[in-house]
Amino acid sequence: MNLEQSTKPSGLSFPCSSSTHNRKVWQRLVTGRYVYMLILPGFIYFAIFKFLPMWGVLIAFQNYNPFVGISGSEWVGFEHFSNLFLDKHFYILLRNTLLINLMSLIFFFPLPILLSVMLNEVRHEWFMKLNQSIVYMPHFLSWVVVASMTFFTLSVDVGFINKLLISLGMDSISFLSEPKFFWGILTLQNIWKETGWGTIIFLAAVAGVDPQRYEAAVVDGAGRLRQIWHITLPAIRPTIVILLILRLGHMADVGFEQVLLMMNPLVNDVADVFDTYVYYRGIQQGDISIGTAVGMFKGVVGLILVLISNYVVKKLGHEGIY
């Protein structure tokens, strides 16, 4: 045995040089070039519209002047955040935003799951595809169309529901100008418009269930409800958990266009949310810094809710998003 062999520790290998490592990385890139080309458009999108704009959060700590830009604007630290939290209107915004999202989470979130299970039980494929096409269609309507349909349904003057009530000898109801109805109307709009579209992910998860599990359940004497409860729902549980965590991350977000089109002076107390506040303060009044501060606050709230919910889910024995 020579000296070099005797001095080298057994069982250990020396790392390859950086040039060899770089060559291997380049070879992998060349081998999978078509896959990376498919990823490239998405990466460019996120780089331009998600990563680069993150520098804009600096505006929340400045008295931003668009004529001198971020580099020339005066730094004020957390002044805008202090003004936001001390504003008595802030708690109205927080209440409206959280309660609208909470109603959506309770009444809307379970419906795509239920509809997916129901569609999966349809035995005639043509009938299932027909129903899928029908329930998907409202998603492609703009909120302007949905708001117009709501007006022609619920308004006092031309709404057919109030015309029906009057024809039955009952008094008309001001659905669109009564604050107590506003949150419910928003929730019903979301249910009608997005329930069908929300079934896409759940149907894909259901399609991944091994058919042999259903066959074994039939042999054991399980009916359709038993199969749904013991096979279908447990199989899509990870998907449900992940989407629930991601949904909680948007608890500070409300559909801006939907709320803006449905709100009016009579329901402003229950309709004003963070998104509309940013629109009025940040765009109409030109206070870009406070608008950026509100956006950053929403992002922090969403991050905290995702972290907490992911921690709780993992403690309960499920898989989180990380």
Protein backbone atom coordinates (compact mmCIF):
# COMPACT_ATOMS: atom_id res chain seq x y z
CA MET A 1 0.00 0.00 0.00
CA ASN A 2 1.42 3.33 -0.98
CA LEU A 3 1.46 6.42 1.20
CA GLU A 4 -1.43 8.21 -0.59
CA GLN A 5 -3.75 5.25 -0.18
CA SER A 6 -2.84 4.82 3.50
CA THR A 7 -3.47 8.45 4.41
CA LYS A 8 -6.88 8.68 2.71
CA PRO A 9 -9.71 7.97 5.25
CA SER A 10 -11.73 4.91 4.36
CA GLY A 11 -15.42 5.42 3.51
CA LEU A 12 -14.99 9.10 2.68
CA SER A 13 -15.13 10.74 -0.74
CA PHE A 14 -13.90 14.15 -1.67
CA PRO A 15 -16.33 16.58 -3.28
CA CYS A 16 -15.99 17.10 -7.00
CA SER A 17 -14.65 20.37 -8.29
CA SER A 18 -16.94 23.31 -9.00
CA SER A 19 -16.33 22.99 -12.73
CA THR A 20 -17.50 19.37 -12.69
CA HIS A 21 -20.58 20.33 -10.69
CA ASN A 22 -21.41 23.17 -13.08
CA ARG A 23 -20.97 20.85 -16.03
CA LYS A 24 -23.43 18.36 -14.54
CA VAL A 25 -25.96 21.12 -13.86
CA TRP A 26 -25.63 22.35 -17.43
CA GLN A 27 -26.09 18.80 -18.73
CA ARG A 28 -29.30 18.45 -16.73
CA LEU A 29 -30.56 21.75 -18.09
CA VAL A 30 -29.83 20.66 -21.65
CA THR A 31 -31.45 17.26 -21.12
CA GLY A 32 -34.64 18.77 -19.66
CA ARG A 33 -34.65 21.89 -21.84
CA TYR A 34 -38.19 21.34 -23.12
CA VAL A 35 -39.57 21.01 -19.62
CA TYR A 36 -37.81 24.21 -18.54
CA MET A 37 -39.16 25.96 -21.63
CA LEU A 38 -42.66 25.09 -20.43
CA ILE A 39 -41.84 26.57 -17.01
CA LEU A 40 -40.29 29.71 -18.48
CA PRO A 41 -43.53 31.67 -19.25
CA GLY A 42 -44.79 31.15 -15.69
CA PHE A 43 -41.43 32.13 -14.25
CA ILE A 44 -41.35 35.32 -16.34
CA TYR A 45 -44.89 36.17 -15.23
CA PHE A 46 -44.08 35.81 -11.54
CA ALA A 47 -40.78 37.67 -11.95
CA ILE A 48 -42.42 40.68 -13.60
CA PHE A 49 -45.74 40.88 -11.77
CA LYS A 50 -44.93 39.32 -8.37
CA PHE A 51 -41.23 39.63 -7.49
CA LEU A 52 -40.24 42.98 -9.01
CA PRO A 53 -43.24 44.88 -7.56
CA MET A 54 -42.19 43.78 -4.06
CA TRP A 55 -39.83 46.75 -4.03
CA GLY A 56 -42.97 48.85 -3.91
CA VAL A 57 -43.56 47.94 -0.25
CA LEU A 58 -40.95 50.60 0.56
CA ILE A 59 -43.60 53.18 -0.30
CA ALA A 60 -45.47 52.19 2.88
CA PHE A 61 -42.59 53.67 4.92
CA GLN A 62 -42.39 56.93 2.94
CA ASN A 63 -44.37 60.01 2.09
CA TYR A 64 -44.25 58.88 -1.49
CA ASN A 65 -43.92 61.52 -4.18
CA PRO A 66 -44.34 60.07 -7.69
CA PHE A 67 -42.35 62.96 -9.19
CA VAL A 68 -39.15 62.03 -7.32
CA GLY A 69 -39.77 58.27 -7.01
CA ILE A 70 -38.90 55.91 -4.19
CA SER A 71 -35.28 57.03 -3.94
CA GLY A 72 -36.19 60.70 -3.46
CA SER A 73 -39.25 60.40 -1.21
CA GLU A 74 -39.13 61.23 2.50
CA TRP A 75 -38.84 58.30 4.91
CA VAL A 76 -41.41 58.34 7.74
CA GLY A 77 -41.02 54.84 9.21
CA PHE A 78 -44.20 53.32 10.62
CA GLU A 79 -46.20 56.55 10.61
CA HIS A 80 -48.74 55.34 8.03
CA PHE A 81 -49.30 52.11 9.93
CA SER A 82 -49.86 54.05 13.16
CA ASN A 83 -52.37 56.33 11.43
CA LEU A 84 -54.13 53.30 9.97
CA PHE A 85 -54.47 51.45 13.27
CA LEU A 86 -55.51 54.57 15.20
CA ASP A 87 -58.20 55.44 12.65
CA LYS A 88 -61.59 54.45 14.09
CA HIS A 89 -62.67 53.43 10.59
CA PHE A 90 -59.99 50.71 10.62
CA TYR A 91 -62.02 48.44 12.91
CA ILE A 92 -65.07 48.77 10.66
CA LEU A 93 -62.92 47.73 7.70
CA LEU A 94 -61.48 44.81 9.67
CA ARG A 95 -64.92 43.65 10.84
CA ASN A 96 -66.48 43.80 7.39
CA THR A 97 -63.55 42.09 5.69
CA LEU A 98 -63.26 39.23 8.16
CA LEU A 99 -66.99 38.57 8.47
CA ILE A 100 -67.58 38.56 4.71
CA ASN A 101 -64.73 36.07 4.32
CA LEU A 102 -65.95 34.03 7.28
CA MET A 103 -69.41 33.70 5.74
CA SER A 104 -67.83 32.65 2.46
CA LEU A 105 -65.66 30.10 4.28
CA ILE A 106 -68.62 28.57 6.13
CA PHE A 107 -71.26 28.56 3.40
CA PHE A 108 -69.26 28.56 0.14
CA PHE A 109 -66.13 26.47 0.75
CA PRO A 110 -67.91 23.12 1.42
CA LEU A 111 -70.18 23.38 -1.65
CA PRO A 112 -67.58 22.58 -4.36
CA ILE A 113 -66.66 19.47 -2.34
CA LEU A 114 -70.30 18.39 -2.13
CA LEU A 115 -70.92 19.11 -5.81
CA SER A 116 -67.78 17.18 -6.81
CA VAL A 117 -68.94 14.12 -4.90
CA MET A 118 -72.39 14.39 -6.48
CA LEU A 119 -70.97 14.69 -10.00
CA ASN A 120 -68.71 11.72 -9.35
CA GLU A 121 -71.76 9.61 -8.56
CA VAL A 122 -73.37 10.31 -11.95
CA ARG A 123 -73.14 7.11 -13.95
CA HIS A 124 -73.94 8.52 -17.40
CA GLU A 125 -70.82 10.29 -18.65
CA TRP A 126 -72.65 12.53 -21.13
CA PHE A 127 -74.98 13.73 -18.38
CA MET A 128 -72.07 14.45 -16.04
CA LYS A 129 -70.25 16.45 -18.74
CA LEU A 130 -73.42 18.39 -19.48
CA ASN A 131 -73.83 19.29 -15.81
CA GLN A 132 -70.16 20.24 -15.54
CA SER A 133 -70.50 22.62 -18.49
CA ILE A 134 -73.58 24.21 -16.96
CA VAL A 135 -72.08 24.78 -13.51
CA TYR A 136 -68.80 26.08 -15.00
CA MET A 137 -70.43 28.79 -17.11
CA PRO A 138 -71.16 31.38 -14.36
CA HIS A 139 -67.43 31.60 -13.61
CA PHE A 140 -66.82 33.19 -17.00
CA LEU A 141 -69.32 35.99 -16.43
CA SER A 142 -67.86 39.30 -15.27
CA TRP A 143 -68.93 40.80 -11.97
CA VAL A 144 -70.62 43.58 -13.93
CA VAL A 145 -72.98 41.02 -15.44
CA VAL A 146 -73.53 39.31 -12.08
CA ALA A 147 -74.27 42.66 -10.38
CA SER A 148 -76.72 43.56 -13.17
CA MET A 149 -78.48 40.20 -12.78
CA THR A 150 -78.68 40.77 -9.04
CA PHE A 151 -80.22 44.21 -9.63
CA PHE A 152 -82.88 42.81 -11.98
CA THR A 153 -83.61 40.11 -9.42
CA LEU A 154 -83.70 42.01 -6.12
CA SER A 155 -84.28 45.71 -6.80
CA VAL A 156 -87.50 47.32 -5.59
CA ASP A 157 -88.43 48.82 -8.97
CA VAL A 158 -87.68 46.11 -11.54
CA GLY A 159 -86.71 43.07 -9.45
CA PHE A 160 -88.92 40.10 -10.27
CA ILE A 161 -88.86 38.86 -6.66
CA ASN A 162 -90.42 42.09 -5.42
CA LYS A 163 -92.91 42.01 -8.31
CA LEU A 164 -93.85 38.50 -7.21
CA LEU A 165 -94.26 39.65 -3.60
CA ILE A 166 -96.47 42.54 -4.67
CA SER A 167 -98.58 40.25 -6.85
CA LEU A 168 -99.14 38.06 -3.78
CA GLY A 169 -100.32 41.08 -1.79
CA MET A 170 -97.14 41.44 0.24
CA ASP A 171 -94.92 44.48 0.73
CA SER A 172 -91.74 44.87 -1.31
CA ILE A 173 -88.38 44.40 0.39
CA SER A 174 -85.37 46.67 -0.17
CA PHE A 175 -82.81 43.91 -0.50
CA LEU A 176 -80.10 46.11 -2.03
CA SER A 177 -80.38 49.01 0.41
CA GLU A 178 -80.78 47.11 3.68
CA PRO A 179 -77.43 46.53 5.45
CA LYS A 180 -78.65 43.28 7.01
CA PHE A 181 -78.92 41.65 3.57
CA PHE A 182 -75.62 42.82 2.10
CA TRP A 183 -73.24 40.10 3.35
CA GLY A 184 -75.74 37.39 2.46
CA ILE A 185 -76.12 38.73 -1.08
CA LEU A 186 -72.34 38.72 -1.58
CA THR A 187 -72.14 35.13 -0.32
CA LEU A 188 -74.96 33.98 -2.61
CA GLN A 189 -73.26 35.65 -5.57
CA ASN A 190 -70.02 33.81 -4.82
CA ILE A 191 -71.89 30.51 -4.45
CA TRP A 192 -73.69 30.90 -7.77
CA LYS A 193 -70.66 32.12 -9.69
CA GLU A 194 -67.77 30.04 -8.35
CA THR A 195 -69.11 26.76 -6.93
CA GLY A 196 -68.96 24.95 -10.25
CA TRP A 197 -65.49 26.23 -11.05
CA GLY A 198 -64.26 25.15 -7.62
CA THR A 199 -65.13 21.54 -8.39
CA ILE A 200 -62.30 21.18 -10.94
CA ILE A 201 -59.56 20.47 -8.39
CA PHE A 202 -61.76 18.19 -6.28
CA LEU A 203 -62.95 16.20 -9.29
CA ALA A 204 -59.31 15.70 -10.29
CA ALA A 205 -58.58 14.41 -6.78
CA VAL A 206 -61.60 12.09 -6.90
CA ALA A 207 -60.49 10.76 -10.30
CA GLY A 208 -57.22 9.65 -8.70
CA VAL A 209 -58.93 7.22 -6.33
CA ASP A 210 -58.16 3.58 -7.14
CA PRO A 211 -61.37 1.94 -8.52
CA GLN A 212 -60.39 -1.31 -6.83
CA ARG A 213 -61.13 0.29 -3.47
CA TYR A 214 -64.74 0.83 -4.51
CA GLU A 215 -64.93 -2.74 -5.83
CA ALA A 216 -63.62 -4.08 -2.54
CA ALA A 217 -66.16 -1.95 -0.66
CA VAL A 218 -69.00 -3.36 -2.79
CA VAL A 219 -67.83 -6.90 -2.00
CA ASP A 220 -67.91 -6.01 1.69
CA GLY A 221 -71.49 -4.80 1.30
CA ALA A 222 -70.91 -1.05 1.48
CA GLY A 223 -73.53 1.15 -0.16
CA ARG A 224 -72.92 4.38 -2.04
CA LEU A 225 -73.02 6.56 1.08
CA ARG A 226 -70.57 4.28 2.88
CA GLN A 227 -68.23 4.38 -0.10
CA ILE A 228 -68.37 8.18 -0.18
CA TRP A 229 -67.75 8.48 3.56
CA HIS A 230 -64.98 5.89 3.87
CA ILE A 231 -63.26 6.11 0.46
CA THR A 232 -64.01 9.27 -1.51
CA LEU A 233 -63.82 11.87 1.26
CA PRO A 234 -60.65 10.44 2.92
CA ALA A 235 -59.00 10.29 -0.51
CA ILE A 236 -59.59 14.00 -1.19
CA ARG A 237 -58.92 15.11 2.40
CA PRO A 238 -55.32 16.27 1.66
CA THR A 239 -56.64 18.44 -1.18
CA ILE A 240 -59.32 19.89 1.07
CA VAL A 241 -56.78 20.70 3.78
CA ILE A 242 -54.36 22.42 1.39
CA LEU A 243 -57.10 24.52 -0.23
CA LEU A 244 -58.45 25.44 3.20
CA ILE A 245 -55.02 26.67 4.32
CA LEU A 246 -54.61 28.68 1.13
CA ARG A 247 -58.12 30.09 1.56
CA LEU A 248 -57.29 31.26 5.08
CA GLY A 249 -54.33 33.12 3.59
CA HIS A 250 -56.83 35.34 1.75
CA MET A 251 -58.99 36.20 4.75
CA ALA A 252 -57.98 39.84 4.44
CA ASP A 253 -58.95 39.94 0.75
CA VAL A 254 -62.44 40.54 -0.56
CA GLY A 255 -63.42 40.68 -4.21
CA PHE A 256 -62.91 44.40 -4.87
CA GLU A 257 -64.95 44.57 -8.06
CA GLN A 258 -67.85 42.66 -6.57
CA VAL A 259 -68.07 44.86 -3.47
CA LEU A 260 -67.58 48.10 -5.41
CA LEU A 261 -70.42 47.25 -7.81
CA MET A 262 -72.82 46.22 -5.04
CA MET A 263 -72.17 48.94 -2.47
CA ASN A 264 -74.22 52.13 -2.18
CA PRO A 265 -74.42 54.94 0.41
CA LEU A 266 -77.10 53.08 2.39
CA VAL A 267 -74.90 50.03 3.01
CA ASN A 268 -71.46 51.64 3.24
CA ASP A 269 -71.14 50.76 6.94
CA VAL A 270 -71.21 47.03 6.15
CA ALA A 271 -69.72 47.18 2.63
CA ASP A 272 -66.54 49.17 3.13
CA VAL A 273 -63.55 46.79 3.17
CA PHE A 274 -59.78 47.15 2.87
CA ASP A 275 -59.85 46.89 -0.92
CA THR A 276 -62.38 49.70 -1.34
CA TYR A 277 -60.50 51.78 1.25
CA VAL A 278 -57.31 51.43 -0.81
CA TYR A 279 -59.24 52.46 -3.91
CA TYR A 280 -60.70 55.61 -2.35
CA ARG A 281 -57.61 56.66 -0.37
CA GLY A 282 -54.84 55.40 -2.60
CA ILE A 283 -56.23 56.11 -6.06
CA GLN A 284 -59.00 58.69 -5.81
CA GLN A 285 -57.28 60.79 -3.14
CA GLY A 286 -53.75 60.05 -4.34
CA ASP A 287 -52.49 58.82 -0.95
CA ILE A 288 -50.38 56.01 -2.39
CA SER A 289 -48.40 55.44 0.81
CA ILE A 290 -51.43 54.61 2.96
CA GLY A 291 -52.75 52.34 0.23
CA THR A 292 -49.45 50.46 0.18
CA ALA A 293 -49.48 50.21 3.97
CA VAL A 294 -52.94 48.63 3.86
CA GLY A 295 -51.78 46.17 1.23
CA MET A 296 -48.75 45.22 3.32
CA PHE A 297 -50.94 44.77 6.40
CA LYS A 298 -53.21 42.42 4.44
CA GLY A 299 -50.20 40.40 3.31
CA VAL A 300 -48.88 40.05 6.87
CA VAL A 301 -52.30 38.95 8.14
CA GLY A 302 -52.53 36.36 5.39
CA LEU A 303 -49.03 35.06 6.15
CA ILE A 304 -49.79 34.73 9.87
CA LEU A 305 -53.04 32.85 9.21
CA VAL A 306 -51.29 30.47 6.80
CA LEU A 307 -48.52 29.74 9.32
CA ILE A 308 -50.96 29.16 12.18
CA SER A 309 -53.35 27.00 10.15
CA ASN A 310 -50.50 24.96 8.68
CA TYR A 311 -49.10 24.37 12.19
CA VAL A 312 -52.49 23.28 13.53
CA VAL A 313 -53.11 20.98 10.57
CA LYS A 314 -49.75 19.25 11.02
CA LYS A 315 -50.38 18.84 14.75
CA LEU A 316 -53.65 17.10 13.86
CA GLY A 317 -51.70 14.58 11.80
CA HIS A 318 -52.39 15.93 8.30
CA GLU A 319 -49.96 17.17 5.68
CA GLY A 320 -49.65 20.93 5.36
CA ILE A 321 -48.43 23.01 2.48
CA TYR A 322 -44.81 22.73 3.65
